[in-house]
Amino acid sequence: PVTDGGDASPEGGGGKATEEPCEGTFSEKTREELLHTLLSKDRELDLLRLEKEEAAKEQEIQRVRLAAWVASSLQAVQERAREEMAAKDVEIEGLLADGEQMRVLQETVERVRGERAESD
């Protein structure tokens, strides 16, 4: 309690309580208002922290989704490139086979011409 400034020694003379607060103290109403404001600000800070955490989680989710999309896209591009390379390999093999057939045909034509020339 707020006193009138009497002696606080164990021998007595503790002074009597007064209704008016001493300088540097707060009334009960002011204390309650300050406590209410403090608690309110504390709740606001907690909400801001939660919002920040949620935003960080959402950002991480978006980062993971983007990384998954990039990986998927890269995999699709690689698969398409493999398919195109396989098609080119088949085309090359076909051209090589055609070339071999042309060589055999050319040899046959030359041999037949040579045989005709010998028989004439």
PDB file of N, CA and C in Angstrom:
ATOM      1  N   PRO A   1       0.834  -1.208   0.000  1.00  0.00           N
ATOM      2  CA  PRO A   1       0.000   0.000   0.000  1.00  0.00           C
ATOM      3  C   PRO A   1       0.864   1.251   0.000  1.00  0.00           C
ATOM      4  N   VAL A   2       0.289   2.301  -0.503  1.00  0.00           N
ATOM      5  CA  VAL A   2       0.973   3.591  -0.538  1.00  0.00           C
ATOM      6  C   VAL A   2       0.832   4.224   0.834  1.00  0.00           C
ATOM      7  N   THR A   3       1.957   4.723   1.370  1.00  0.00           N
ATOM      8  CA  THR A   3       1.908   5.321   2.716  1.00  0.00           C
ATOM      9  C   THR A   3       2.278   6.786   2.634  1.00  0.00           C
ATOM     10  N   ASP A   4       2.166   7.470   3.769  1.00  0.00           N
ATOM     11  CA  ASP A   4       2.458   8.904   3.819  1.00  0.00           C
ATOM     12  C   ASP A   4       3.934   9.186   4.096  1.00  0.00           C
ATOM     13  N   GLY A   5       4.785   8.165   3.949  1.00  0.00           N
ATOM     14  CA  GLY A   5       6.222   8.401   4.095  1.00  0.00           C
ATOM     15  C   GLY A   5       6.736   8.162   5.480  1.00  0.00           C
ATOM     16  N   GLY A   6       6.021   7.435   6.329  1.00  0.00           N
ATOM     17  CA  GLY A   6       6.490   7.158   7.686  1.00  0.00           C
ATOM     18  C   GLY A   6       7.632   6.175   7.678  1.00  0.00           C
ATOM     19  N   ASP A   7       8.192   5.917   8.827  1.00  0.00           N
ATOM     20  CA  ASP A   7       9.334   5.042   8.993  1.00  0.00           C
ATOM     21  C   ASP A   7       8.904   3.586   8.817  1.00  0.00           C
ATOM     22  N   ALA A   8       9.651   2.811   8.046  1.00  0.00           N
ATOM     23  CA  ALA A   8       9.311   1.410   7.816  1.00  0.00           C
ATOM     24  C   ALA A   8      10.135   0.487   8.684  1.00  0.00           C
ATOM     25  N   SER A   9      10.762   1.006   9.756  1.00  0.00           N
ATOM     26  CA  SER A   9      11.608   0.179  10.608  1.00  0.00           C
ATOM     27  C   SER A   9      10.752  -0.766  11.435  1.00  0.00           C
ATOM     28  N   PRO A  10      11.367  -1.869  11.959  1.00  0.00           N
ATOM     29  CA  PRO A  10      10.602  -2.824  12.772  1.00  0.00           C
ATOM     30  C   PRO A  10      10.119  -2.221  14.087  1.00  0.00           C
ATOM     31  N   GLU A  11      10.710  -1.091  14.518  1.00  0.00           N
ATOM     32  CA  GLU A  11      10.301  -0.493  15.779  1.00  0.00           C
ATOM     33  C   GLU A  11       8.953   0.195  15.675  1.00  0.00           C
ATOM     34  N   GLY A  12       8.438   0.350  14.467  1.00  0.00           N
ATOM     35  CA  GLY A  12       7.141   0.999  14.345  1.00  0.00           C
ATOM     36  C   GLY A  12       7.242   2.274  13.550  1.00  0.00           C
ATOM     37  N   GLY A  13       6.197   3.056  13.582  1.00  0.00           N
ATOM     38  CA  GLY A  13       6.146   4.325  12.871  1.00  0.00           C
ATOM     39  C   GLY A  13       6.021   4.117  11.379  1.00  0.00           C
ATOM     40  N   GLY A  14       5.302   3.078  10.960  1.00  0.00           N
ATOM     41  CA  GLY A  14       5.198   2.706   9.562  1.00  0.00           C
ATOM     42  C   GLY A  14       4.402   3.666   8.722  1.00  0.00           C
ATOM     43  N   GLY A  15       3.759   4.645   9.285  1.00  0.00           N
ATOM     44  CA  GLY A  15       2.968   5.580   8.507  1.00  0.00           C
ATOM     45  C   GLY A  15       1.604   5.013   8.200  1.00  0.00           C
ATOM     46  N   LYS A  16       0.691   5.852   7.758  1.00  0.00           N
ATOM     47  CA  LYS A  16      -0.648   5.366   7.468  1.00  0.00           C
ATOM     48  C   LYS A  16      -0.896   5.422   5.970  1.00  0.00           C
ATOM     49  N   ALA A  17      -1.740   4.513   5.485  1.00  0.00           N
ATOM     50  CA  ALA A  17      -2.046   4.425   4.065  1.00  0.00           C
ATOM     51  C   ALA A  17      -2.803   5.652   3.628  1.00  0.00           C
ATOM     52  N   THR A  18      -2.500   6.122   2.449  1.00  0.00           N
ATOM     53  CA  THR A  18      -3.212   7.270   1.891  1.00  0.00           C
ATOM     54  C   THR A  18      -3.941   6.830   0.637  1.00  0.00           C
ATOM     55  N   GLU A  19      -4.889   7.612   0.182  1.00  0.00           N
ATOM     56  CA  GLU A  19      -5.657   7.315  -1.021  1.00  0.00           C
ATOM     57  C   GLU A  19      -4.916   7.725  -2.279  1.00  0.00           C
ATOM     58  N   GLU A  20      -4.074   8.713  -2.214  1.00  0.00           N
ATOM     59  CA  GLU A  20      -3.397   9.223  -3.394  1.00  0.00           C
ATOM     60  C   GLU A  20      -2.065   8.495  -3.567  1.00  0.00           C
ATOM     61  N   PRO A  21      -1.770   8.091  -4.796  1.00  0.00           N
ATOM     62  CA  PRO A  21      -0.497   7.409  -5.035  1.00  0.00           C
ATOM     63  C   PRO A  21       0.657   8.399  -4.960  1.00  0.00           C
ATOM     64  N   CYS A  22       1.792   7.896  -4.555  1.00  0.00           N
ATOM     65  CA  CYS A  22       2.983   8.730  -4.513  1.00  0.00           C
ATOM     66  C   CYS A  22       3.504   8.934  -5.927  1.00  0.00           C
ATOM     67  N   GLU A  23       4.329   9.928  -6.074  1.00  0.00           N
ATOM     68  CA  GLU A  23       4.917  10.214  -7.375  1.00  0.00           C
ATOM     69  C   GLU A  23       5.715   8.998  -7.847  1.00  0.00           C
ATOM     70  N   GLY A  24       5.541   8.621  -9.154  1.00  0.00           N
ATOM     71  CA  GLY A  24       6.262   7.478  -9.717  1.00  0.00           C
ATOM     72  C   GLY A  24       5.490   6.175  -9.603  1.00  0.00           C
ATOM     73  N   THR A  25       4.303   6.162  -9.071  1.00  0.00           N
ATOM     74  CA  THR A  25       3.496   4.945  -9.006  1.00  0.00           C
ATOM     75  C   THR A  25       2.268   5.137  -9.875  1.00  0.00           C
ATOM     76  N   PHE A  26       1.599   4.041 -10.169  1.00  0.00           N
ATOM     77  CA  PHE A  26       0.412   4.078 -11.012  1.00  0.00           C
ATOM     78  C   PHE A  26      -0.797   3.660 -10.210  1.00  0.00           C
ATOM     79  N   SER A  27      -1.925   4.203 -10.578  1.00  0.00           N
ATOM     80  CA  SER A  27      -3.165   3.785  -9.920  1.00  0.00           C
ATOM     81  C   SER A  27      -3.514   2.380 -10.405  1.00  0.00           C
ATOM     82  N   GLU A  28      -4.371   1.719  -9.694  1.00  0.00           N
ATOM     83  CA  GLU A  28      -4.796   0.364 -10.046  1.00  0.00           C
ATOM     84  C   GLU A  28      -5.420   0.340 -11.442  1.00  0.00           C
ATOM     85  N   LYS A  29      -6.204   1.349 -11.742  1.00  0.00           N
ATOM     86  CA  LYS A  29      -6.837   1.432 -13.062  1.00  0.00           C
ATOM     87  C   LYS A  29      -5.782   1.572 -14.152  1.00  0.00           C
ATOM     88  N   THR A  30      -4.790   2.417 -13.918  1.00  0.00           N
ATOM     89  CA  THR A  30      -3.723   2.612 -14.900  1.00  0.00           C
ATOM     90  C   THR A  30      -2.925   1.329 -15.074  1.00  0.00           C
ATOM     91  N   ARG A  31      -2.652   0.632 -13.988  1.00  0.00           N
ATOM     92  CA  ARG A  31      -1.938  -0.643 -14.057  1.00  0.00           C
ATOM     93  C   ARG A  31      -2.715  -1.653 -14.895  1.00  0.00           C
ATOM     94  N   GLU A  32      -4.019  -1.716 -14.668  1.00  0.00           N
ATOM     95  CA  GLU A  32      -4.865  -2.638 -15.435  1.00  0.00           C
ATOM     96  C   GLU A  32      -4.862  -2.266 -16.916  1.00  0.00           C
ATOM     97  N   GLU A  33      -4.919  -0.972 -17.199  1.00  0.00           N
ATOM     98  CA  GLU A  33      -4.894  -0.529 -18.591  1.00  0.00           C
ATOM     99  C   GLU A  33      -3.543  -0.863 -19.239  1.00  0.00           C
ATOM    100  N   LEU A  34      -2.464  -0.634 -18.498  1.00  0.00           N
ATOM    101  CA  LEU A  34      -1.136  -0.957 -19.023  1.00  0.00           C
ATOM    102  C   LEU A  34      -0.977  -2.466 -19.238  1.00  0.00           C
ATOM    103  N   LEU A  35      -1.464  -3.241 -18.285  1.00  0.00           N
ATOM    104  CA  LEU A  35      -1.399  -4.697 -18.410  1.00  0.00           C
ATOM    105  C   LEU A  35      -2.217  -5.157 -19.609  1.00  0.00           C
ATOM    106  N   HIS A  36      -3.410  -4.598 -19.770  1.00  0.00           N
ATOM    107  CA  HIS A  36      -4.270  -4.941 -20.908  1.00  0.00           C
ATOM    108  C   HIS A  36      -3.569  -4.581 -22.228  1.00  0.00           C
ATOM    109  N   THR A  37      -2.952  -3.416 -22.286  1.00  0.00           N
ATOM    110  CA  THR A  37      -2.242  -2.980 -23.485  1.00  0.00           C
ATOM    111  C   THR A  37      -1.057  -3.904 -23.761  1.00  0.00           C
ATOM    112  N   LEU A  38      -0.332  -4.226 -22.712  1.00  0.00           N
ATOM    113  CA  LEU A  38       0.816  -5.114 -22.858  1.00  0.00           C
ATOM    114  C   LEU A  38       0.395  -6.483 -23.373  1.00  0.00           C
ATOM    115  N   LEU A  39      -0.661  -7.034 -22.799  1.00  0.00           N
ATOM    116  CA  LEU A  39      -1.152  -8.346 -23.240  1.00  0.00           C
ATOM    117  C   LEU A  39      -1.656  -8.278 -24.677  1.00  0.00           C
ATOM    118  N   SER A  40      -2.323  -7.185 -24.992  1.00  0.00           N
ATOM    119  CA  SER A  40      -2.823  -6.999 -26.350  1.00  0.00           C
ATOM    120  C   SER A  40      -1.665  -6.946 -27.353  1.00  0.00           C
ATOM    121  N   LYS A  41      -0.622  -6.184 -27.013  1.00  0.00           N
ATOM    122  CA  LYS A  41       0.547  -6.088 -27.890  1.00  0.00           C
ATOM    123  C   LYS A  41       1.264  -7.425 -27.978  1.00  0.00           C
ATOM    124  N   ASP A  42       1.303  -8.168 -26.879  1.00  0.00           N
ATOM    125  CA  ASP A  42       1.926  -9.482 -26.871  1.00  0.00           C
ATOM    126  C   ASP A  42       1.175 -10.423 -27.813  1.00  0.00           C
ATOM    127  N   ARG A  43      -0.148 -10.373 -27.773  1.00  0.00           N
ATOM    128  CA  ARG A  43      -0.957 -11.192 -28.692  1.00  0.00           C
ATOM    129  C   ARG A  43      -0.704 -10.779 -30.137  1.00  0.00           C
ATOM    130  N   GLU A  44      -0.612  -9.471 -30.387  1.00  0.00           N
ATOM    131  CA  GLU A  44      -0.338  -8.984 -31.739  1.00  0.00           C
ATOM    132  C   GLU A  44       1.007  -9.513 -32.232  1.00  0.00           C
ATOM    133  N   LEU A  45       2.006  -9.472 -31.338  1.00  0.00           N
ATOM    134  CA  LEU A  45       3.328  -9.995 -31.716  1.00  0.00           C
ATOM    135  C   LEU A  45       3.259 -11.494 -32.009  1.00  0.00           C
ATOM    136  N   ASP A  46       2.514 -12.221 -31.190  1.00  0.00           N
ATOM    137  CA  ASP A  46       2.351 -13.657 -31.433  1.00  0.00           C
ATOM    138  C   ASP A  46       1.696 -13.898 -32.787  1.00  0.00           C
ATOM    139  N   LEU A  47       0.671 -13.125 -33.106  1.00  0.00           N
ATOM    140  CA  LEU A  47      -0.003 -13.273 -34.402  1.00  0.00           C
ATOM    141  C   LEU A  47       0.940 -12.942 -35.548  1.00  0.00           C
ATOM    142  N   LEU A  48       1.732 -11.894 -35.378  1.00  0.00           N
ATOM    143  CA  LEU A  48       2.697 -11.536 -36.425  1.00  0.00           C
ATOM    144  C   LEU A  48       3.742 -12.641 -36.608  1.00  0.00           C
ATOM    145  N   ARG A  49       4.184 -13.214 -35.495  1.00  0.00           N
ATOM    146  CA  ARG A  49       5.142 -14.323 -35.591  1.00  0.00           C
ATOM    147  C   ARG A  49       4.522 -15.503 -36.328  1.00  0.00           C
ATOM    148  N   LEU A  50       3.269 -15.816 -35.994  1.00  0.00           N
ATOM    149  CA  LEU A  50       2.577 -16.917 -36.668  1.00  0.00           C
ATOM    150  C   LEU A  50       2.421 -16.633 -38.161  1.00  0.00           C
ATOM    151  N   GLU A  51       2.052 -15.405 -38.497  1.00  0.00           N
ATOM    152  CA  GLU A  51       1.908 -15.035 -39.903  1.00  0.00           C
ATOM    153  C   GLU A  51       3.240 -15.170 -40.632  1.00  0.00           C
ATOM    154  N   LYS A  52       4.313 -14.743 -39.969  1.00  0.00           N
ATOM    155  CA  LYS A  52       5.649 -14.839 -40.573  1.00  0.00           C
ATOM    156  C   LYS A  52       6.015 -16.310 -40.788  1.00  0.00           C
ATOM    157  N   GLU A  53       5.737 -17.151 -39.790  1.00  0.00           N
ATOM    158  CA  GLU A  53       6.023 -18.580 -39.920  1.00  0.00           C
ATOM    159  C   GLU A  53       5.205 -19.192 -41.044  1.00  0.00           C
ATOM    160  N   GLU A  54       3.919 -18.833 -41.127  1.00  0.00           N
ATOM    161  CA  GLU A  54       3.060 -19.349 -42.193  1.00  0.00           C
ATOM    162  C   GLU A  54       3.576 -18.904 -43.562  1.00  0.00           C
ATOM    163  N   ALA A  55       3.994 -17.652 -43.663  1.00  0.00           N
ATOM    164  CA  ALA A  55       4.530 -17.142 -44.932  1.00  0.00           C
ATOM    165  C   ALA A  55       5.806 -17.896 -45.308  1.00  0.00           C
ATOM    166  N   ALA A  56       6.647 -18.165 -44.328  1.00  0.00           N
ATOM    167  CA  ALA A  56       7.884 -18.912 -44.590  1.00  0.00           C
ATOM    168  C   ALA A  56       7.553 -20.337 -45.042  1.00  0.00           C
ATOM    169  N   LYS A  57       6.569 -20.961 -44.399  1.00  0.00           N
ATOM    170  CA  LYS A  57       6.162 -22.313 -44.797  1.00  0.00           C
ATOM    171  C   LYS A  57       5.611 -22.301 -46.214  1.00  0.00           C
ATOM    172  N   GLU A  58       4.770 -21.338 -46.527  1.00  0.00           N
ATOM    173  CA  GLU A  58       4.193 -21.225 -47.868  1.00  0.00           C
ATOM    174  C   GLU A  58       5.291 -21.003 -48.899  1.00  0.00           C
ATOM    175  N   GLN A  59       6.269 -20.175 -48.560  1.00  0.00           N
ATOM    176  CA  GLN A  59       7.381 -19.922 -49.473  1.00  0.00           C
ATOM    177  C   GLN A  59       8.171 -21.209 -49.706  1.00  0.00           C
ATOM    178  N   GLU A  60       8.382 -21.983 -48.666  1.00  0.00           N
ATOM    179  CA  GLU A  60       9.093 -23.249 -48.802  1.00  0.00           C
ATOM    180  C   GLU A  60       8.296 -24.226 -49.662  1.00  0.00           C
ATOM    181  N   ILE A  61       6.987 -24.262 -49.461  1.00  0.00           N
ATOM    182  CA  ILE A  61       6.128 -25.126 -50.275  1.00  0.00           C
ATOM    183  C   ILE A  61       6.233 -24.730 -51.748  1.00  0.00           C
ATOM    184  N   GLN A  62       6.175 -23.426 -52.017  1.00  0.00           N
ATOM    185  CA  GLN A  62       6.283 -22.954 -53.395  1.00  0.00           C
ATOM    186  C   GLN A  62       7.655 -23.296 -53.985  1.00  0.00           C
ATOM    187  N   ARG A  63       8.705 -23.187 -53.176  1.00  0.00           N
ATOM    188  CA  ARG A  63      10.045 -23.525 -53.647  1.00  0.00           C
ATOM    189  C   ARG A  63      10.132 -25.008 -54.003  1.00  0.00           C
ATOM    190  N   VAL A  64       9.561 -25.853 -53.147  1.00  0.00           N
ATOM    191  CA  VAL A  64       9.585 -27.297 -53.402  1.00  0.00           C
ATOM    192  C   VAL A  64       8.767 -27.623 -54.651  1.00  0.00           C
ATOM    193  N   ARG A  65       7.607 -26.978 -54.802  1.00  0.00           N
ATOM    194  CA  ARG A  65       6.785 -27.207 -56.000  1.00  0.00           C
ATOM    195  C   ARG A  65       7.539 -26.795 -57.258  1.00  0.00           C
ATOM    196  N   LEU A  66       8.206 -25.655 -57.199  1.00  0.00           N
ATOM    197  CA  LEU A  66       8.967 -25.182 -58.351  1.00  0.00           C
ATOM    198  C   LEU A  66      10.092 -26.161 -58.675  1.00  0.00           C
ATOM    199  N   ALA A  67      10.795 -26.615 -57.656  1.00  0.00           N
ATOM    200  CA  ALA A  67      11.887 -27.573 -57.874  1.00  0.00           C
ATOM    201  C   ALA A  67      11.343 -28.867 -58.480  1.00  0.00           C
ATOM    202  N   ALA A  68      10.187 -29.328 -58.019  1.00  0.00           N
ATOM    203  CA  ALA A  68       9.580 -30.541 -58.567  1.00  0.00           C
ATOM    204  C   ALA A  68       9.177 -30.328 -60.020  1.00  0.00           C
ATOM    205  N   TRP A  69       8.623 -29.150 -60.315  1.00  0.00           N
ATOM    206  CA  TRP A  69       8.227 -28.854 -61.694  1.00  0.00           C
ATOM    207  C   TRP A  69       9.449 -28.816 -62.604  1.00  0.00           C
ATOM    208  N   VAL A  70      10.530 -28.170 -62.143  1.00  0.00           N
ATOM    209  CA  VAL A  70      11.758 -28.102 -62.938  1.00  0.00           C
ATOM    210  C   VAL A  70      12.296 -29.509 -63.176  1.00  0.00           C
ATOM    211  N   ALA A  71      12.330 -30.317 -62.139  1.00  0.00           N
ATOM    212  CA  ALA A  71      12.838 -31.686 -62.278  1.00  0.00           C
ATOM    213  C   ALA A  71      11.971 -32.483 -63.257  1.00  0.00           C
ATOM    214  N   SER A  72      10.666 -32.342 -63.149  1.00  0.00           N
ATOM    215  CA  SER A  72       9.745 -33.036 -64.045  1.00  0.00           C
ATOM    216  C   SER A  72       9.938 -32.575 -65.482  1.00  0.00           C
ATOM    217  N   SER A  73      10.066 -31.262 -65.665  1.00  0.00           N
ATOM    218  CA  SER A  73      10.268 -30.721 -67.004  1.00  0.00           C
ATOM    219  C   SER A  73      11.589 -31.210 -67.590  1.00  0.00           C
ATOM    220  N   LEU A  74      12.625 -31.204 -66.787  1.00  0.00           N
ATOM    221  CA  LEU A  74      13.932 -31.681 -67.237  1.00  0.00           C
ATOM    222  C   LEU A  74      13.854 -33.158 -67.616  1.00  0.00           C
ATOM    223  N   GLN A  75      13.154 -33.931 -66.814  1.00  0.00           N
ATOM    224  CA  GLN A  75      13.005 -35.358 -67.103  1.00  0.00           C
ATOM    225  C   GLN A  75      12.261 -35.554 -68.419  1.00  0.00           C
ATOM    226  N   ALA A  76      11.210 -34.755 -68.661  1.00  0.00           N
ATOM    227  CA  ALA A  76      10.461 -34.854 -69.908  1.00  0.00           C
ATOM    228  C   ALA A  76      11.340 -34.478 -71.101  1.00  0.00           C
ATOM    229  N   VAL A  77      12.142 -33.434 -70.954  1.00  0.00           N
ATOM    230  CA  VAL A  77      13.040 -33.020 -72.032  1.00  0.00           C
ATOM    231  C   VAL A  77      14.069 -34.115 -72.305  1.00  0.00           C
ATOM    232  N   GLN A  78      14.622 -34.690 -71.245  1.00  0.00           N
ATOM    233  CA  GLN A  78      15.607 -35.759 -71.423  1.00  0.00           C
ATOM    234  C   GLN A  78      14.979 -36.969 -72.113  1.00  0.00           C
ATOM    235  N   GLU A  79      13.766 -37.310 -71.727  1.00  0.00           N
ATOM    236  CA  GLU A  79      13.076 -38.452 -72.347  1.00  0.00           C
ATOM    237  C   GLU A  79      12.815 -38.175 -73.818  1.00  0.00           C
ATOM    238  N   ARG A  80      12.361 -36.977 -74.126  1.00  0.00           N
ATOM    239  CA  ARG A  80      12.119 -36.606 -75.524  1.00  0.00           C
ATOM    240  C   ARG A  80      13.428 -36.654 -76.322  1.00  0.00           C
ATOM    241  N   ALA A  81      14.530 -36.192 -75.740  1.00  0.00           N
ATOM    242  CA  ALA A  81      15.828 -36.227 -76.417  1.00  0.00           C
ATOM    243  C   ALA A  81      16.264 -37.674 -76.660  1.00  0.00           C
ATOM    244  N   ARG A  82      16.032 -38.560 -75.679  1.00  0.00           N
ATOM    245  CA  ARG A  82      16.369 -39.976 -75.863  1.00  0.00           C
ATOM    246  C   ARG A  82      15.555 -40.576 -77.004  1.00  0.00           C
ATOM    247  N   GLU A  83      14.263 -40.244 -77.042  1.00  0.00           N
ATOM    248  CA  GLU A  83      13.397 -40.757 -78.113  1.00  0.00           C
ATOM    249  C   GLU A  83      13.873 -40.262 -79.475  1.00  0.00           C
ATOM    250  N   GLU A  84      14.231 -38.977 -79.548  1.00  0.00           N
ATOM    251  CA  GLU A  84      14.714 -38.422 -80.811  1.00  0.00           C
ATOM    252  C   GLU A  84      16.035 -39.065 -81.225  1.00  0.00           C
ATOM    253  N   MET A  85      16.916 -39.304 -80.261  1.00  0.00           N
ATOM    254  CA  MET A  85      18.191 -39.961 -80.563  1.00  0.00           C
ATOM    255  C   MET A  85      17.955 -41.390 -81.055  1.00  0.00           C
ATOM    256  N   ALA A  86      17.018 -42.086 -80.418  1.00  0.00           N
ATOM    257  CA  ALA A  86      16.698 -43.453 -80.848  1.00  0.00           C
ATOM    258  C   ALA A  86      16.141 -43.437 -82.269  1.00  0.00           C
ATOM    259  N   ALA A  87      15.278 -42.474 -82.575  1.00  0.00           N
ATOM    260  CA  ALA A  87      14.733 -42.356 -83.926  1.00  0.00           C
ATOM    261  C   ALA A  87      15.850 -42.059 -84.924  1.00  0.00           C
ATOM    262  N   LYS A  88      16.779 -41.187 -84.554  1.00  0.00           N
ATOM    263  CA  LYS A  88      17.911 -40.875 -85.433  1.00  0.00           C
ATOM    264  C   LYS A  88      18.787 -42.109 -85.621  1.00  0.00           C
ATOM    265  N   ASP A  89      18.985 -42.887 -84.557  1.00  0.00           N
ATOM    266  CA  ASP A  89      19.776 -44.111 -84.671  1.00  0.00           C
ATOM    267  C   ASP A  89      19.127 -45.070 -85.664  1.00  0.00           C
ATOM    268  N   VAL A  90      17.799 -45.213 -85.587  1.00  0.00           N
ATOM    269  CA  VAL A  90      17.076 -46.085 -86.516  1.00  0.00           C
ATOM    270  C   VAL A  90      17.231 -45.565 -87.947  1.00  0.00           C
ATOM    271  N   GLU A  91      17.122 -44.246 -88.093  1.00  0.00           N
ATOM    272  CA  GLU A  91      17.281 -43.632 -89.421  1.00  0.00           C
ATOM    273  C   GLU A  91      18.682 -43.878 -89.974  1.00  0.00           C
ATOM    274  N   ILE A  92      19.688 -43.711 -89.122  1.00  0.00           N
ATOM    275  CA  ILE A  92      21.075 -43.940 -89.548  1.00  0.00           C
ATOM    276  C   ILE A  92      21.283 -45.401 -89.931  1.00  0.00           C
ATOM    277  N   GLU A  93      20.762 -46.304 -89.101  1.00  0.00           N
ATOM    278  CA  GLU A  93      20.885 -47.737 -89.416  1.00  0.00           C
ATOM    279  C   GLU A  93      20.229 -48.050 -90.756  1.00  0.00           C
ATOM    280  N   GLY A  94      19.079 -47.410 -90.998  1.00  0.00           N
ATOM    281  CA  GLY A  94      18.402 -47.612 -92.288  1.00  0.00           C
ATOM    282  C   GLY A  94      19.247 -47.098 -93.436  1.00  0.00           C
ATOM    283  N   LEU A  95      19.846 -45.925 -93.261  1.00  0.00           N
ATOM    284  CA  LEU A  95      20.703 -45.367 -94.311  1.00  0.00           C
ATOM    285  C   LEU A  95      21.934 -46.240 -94.534  1.00  0.00           C
ATOM    286  N   LEU A  96      22.508 -46.750 -93.457  1.00  0.00           N
ATOM    287  CA  LEU A  96      23.660 -47.642 -93.593  1.00  0.00           C
ATOM    288  C   LEU A  96      23.266 -48.923 -94.336  1.00  0.00           C
ATOM    289  N   ALA A  97      22.095 -49.452 -93.987  1.00  0.00           N
ATOM    290  CA  ALA A  97      21.609 -50.656 -94.672  1.00  0.00           C
ATOM    291  C   ALA A  97      21.378 -50.352 -96.152  1.00  0.00           C
ATOM    292  N   ASP A  98      20.775 -49.186 -96.442  1.00  0.00           N
ATOM    293  CA  ASP A  98      20.572 -48.789 -97.839  1.00  0.00           C
ATOM    294  C   ASP A  98      21.909 -48.660 -98.549  1.00  0.00           C
ATOM    295  N   GLY A  99      22.880 -48.072 -97.888  1.00  0.00           N
ATOM    296  CA  GLY A  99      24.219 -47.932 -98.470  1.00  0.00           C
ATOM    297  C   GLY A  99      24.841 -49.273 -98.757  1.00  0.00           C
ATOM    298  N   GLU A 100      24.682 -50.224 -97.840  1.00  0.00           N
ATOM    299  CA  GLU A 100      25.223 -51.572 -98.032  1.00  0.00           C
ATOM    300  C   GLU A 100      24.533 -52.243 -99.205  1.00  0.00           C
ATOM    301  N   GLN A 101      23.221 -52.064 -99.302  1.00  0.00           N
ATOM    302  CA  GLN A 101      22.494 -52.634-100.439  1.00  0.00           C
ATOM    303  C   GLN A 101      22.979 -52.023-101.752  1.00  0.00           C
ATOM    304  N   MET A 102      23.211 -50.713-101.745  1.00  0.00           N
ATOM    305  CA  MET A 102      23.703 -50.043-102.943  1.00  0.00           C
ATOM    306  C   MET A 102      25.089 -50.579-103.309  1.00  0.00           C
ATOM    307  N   ARG A 103      25.947 -50.797-102.337  1.00  0.00           N
ATOM    308  CA  ARG A 103      27.284 -51.324-102.590  1.00  0.00           C
ATOM    309  C   ARG A 103      27.188 -52.722-103.200  1.00  0.00           C
ATOM    310  N   VAL A 104      26.342 -53.576-102.599  1.00  0.00           N
ATOM    311  CA  VAL A 104      26.166 -54.937-103.119  1.00  0.00           C
ATOM    312  C   VAL A 104      25.608 -54.882-104.537  1.00  0.00           C
ATOM    313  N   LEU A 105      24.611 -54.010-104.756  1.00  0.00           N
ATOM    314  CA  LEU A 105      24.024 -53.879-106.087  1.00  0.00           C
ATOM    315  C   LEU A 105      25.071 -53.402-107.095  1.00  0.00           C
ATOM    316  N   GLN A 106      25.886 -52.423-106.688  1.00  0.00           N
ATOM    317  CA  GLN A 106      26.938 -51.892-107.567  1.00  0.00           C
ATOM    318  C   GLN A 106      27.941 -52.994-107.911  1.00  0.00           C
ATOM    319  N   GLU A 107      28.328 -53.785-106.903  1.00  0.00           N
ATOM    320  CA  GLU A 107      29.254 -54.892-107.154  1.00  0.00           C
ATOM    321  C   GLU A 107      28.642 -55.895-108.126  1.00  0.00           C
ATOM    322  N   THR A 108      27.338 -56.165-107.928  1.00  0.00           N
ATOM    323  CA  THR A 108      26.646 -57.112-108.805  1.00  0.00           C
ATOM    324  C   THR A 108      26.604 -56.583-110.238  1.00  0.00           C
ATOM    325  N   VAL A 109      26.276 -55.298-110.402  1.00  0.00           N
ATOM    326  CA  VAL A 109      26.217 -54.687-111.734  1.00  0.00           C
ATOM    327  C   VAL A 109      27.591 -54.762-112.393  1.00  0.00           C
ATOM    328  N   GLU A 110      28.658 -54.441-111.646  1.00  0.00           N
ATOM    329  CA  GLU A 110      30.009 -54.476-112.207  1.00  0.00           C
ATOM    330  C   GLU A 110      30.401 -55.900-112.587  1.00  0.00           C
ATOM    331  N   ARG A 111      30.032 -56.877-111.751  1.00  0.00           N
ATOM    332  CA  ARG A 111      30.365 -58.272-112.034  1.00  0.00           C
ATOM    333  C   ARG A 111      29.624 -58.745-113.290  1.00  0.00           C
ATOM    334  N   VAL A 112      28.313 -58.368-113.371  1.00  0.00           N
ATOM    335  CA  VAL A 112      27.523 -58.765-114.540  1.00  0.00           C
ATOM    336  C   VAL A 112      28.094 -58.107-115.781  1.00  0.00           C
ATOM    337  N   ARG A 113      28.457 -56.838-115.715  1.00  0.00           N
ATOM    338  CA  ARG A 113      29.052 -56.151-116.859  1.00  0.00           C
ATOM    339  C   ARG A 113      30.373 -56.828-117.271  1.00  0.00           C
ATOM    340  N   GLY A 114      31.145 -57.181-116.243  1.00  0.00           N
ATOM    341  CA  GLY A 114      32.417 -57.863-116.534  1.00  0.00           C
ATOM    342  C   GLY A 114      32.176 -59.206-117.199  1.00  0.00           C
ATOM    343  N   GLU A 115      31.196 -59.939-116.720  1.00  0.00           N
ATOM    344  CA  GLU A 115      30.879 -61.254-117.296  1.00  0.00           C
ATOM    345  C   GLU A 115      30.397 -61.057-118.729  1.00  0.00           C
ATOM    346  N   ARG A 116      29.592 -60.054-118.998  1.00  0.00           N
ATOM    347  CA  ARG A 116      29.092 -59.805-120.352  1.00  0.00           C
ATOM    348  C   ARG A 116      30.232 -59.418-121.271  1.00  0.00           C
ATOM    349  N   ALA A 117      31.132 -58.608-120.725  1.00  0.00           N
ATOM    350  CA  ALA A 117      32.261 -58.175-121.545  1.00  0.00           C
ATOM    351  C   ALA A 117      33.137 -59.370-121.913  1.00  0.00           C
ATOM    352  N   GLU A 118      33.303 -60.321-121.001  1.00  0.00           N
ATOM    353  CA  GLU A 118      34.122 -61.508-121.267  1.00  0.00           C
ATOM    354  C   GLU A 118      33.439 -62.423-122.258  1.00  0.00           C
ATOM    355  N   SER A 119      32.102 -62.498-122.175  1.00  0.00           N
ATOM    356  CA  SER A 119      31.387 -63.412-123.059  1.00  0.00           C
ATOM    357  C   SER A 119      31.228 -62.813-124.477  1.00  0.00           C
ATOM    358  N   ASP A 120      31.370 -61.531-124.615  1.00  0.00           N
ATOM    359  CA  ASP A 120      31.242 -60.913-125.956  1.00  0.00           C
ATOM    360  C   ASP A 120      32.486 -61.076-126.692  1.00  0.00           C
TER     361      ASP A 120
END
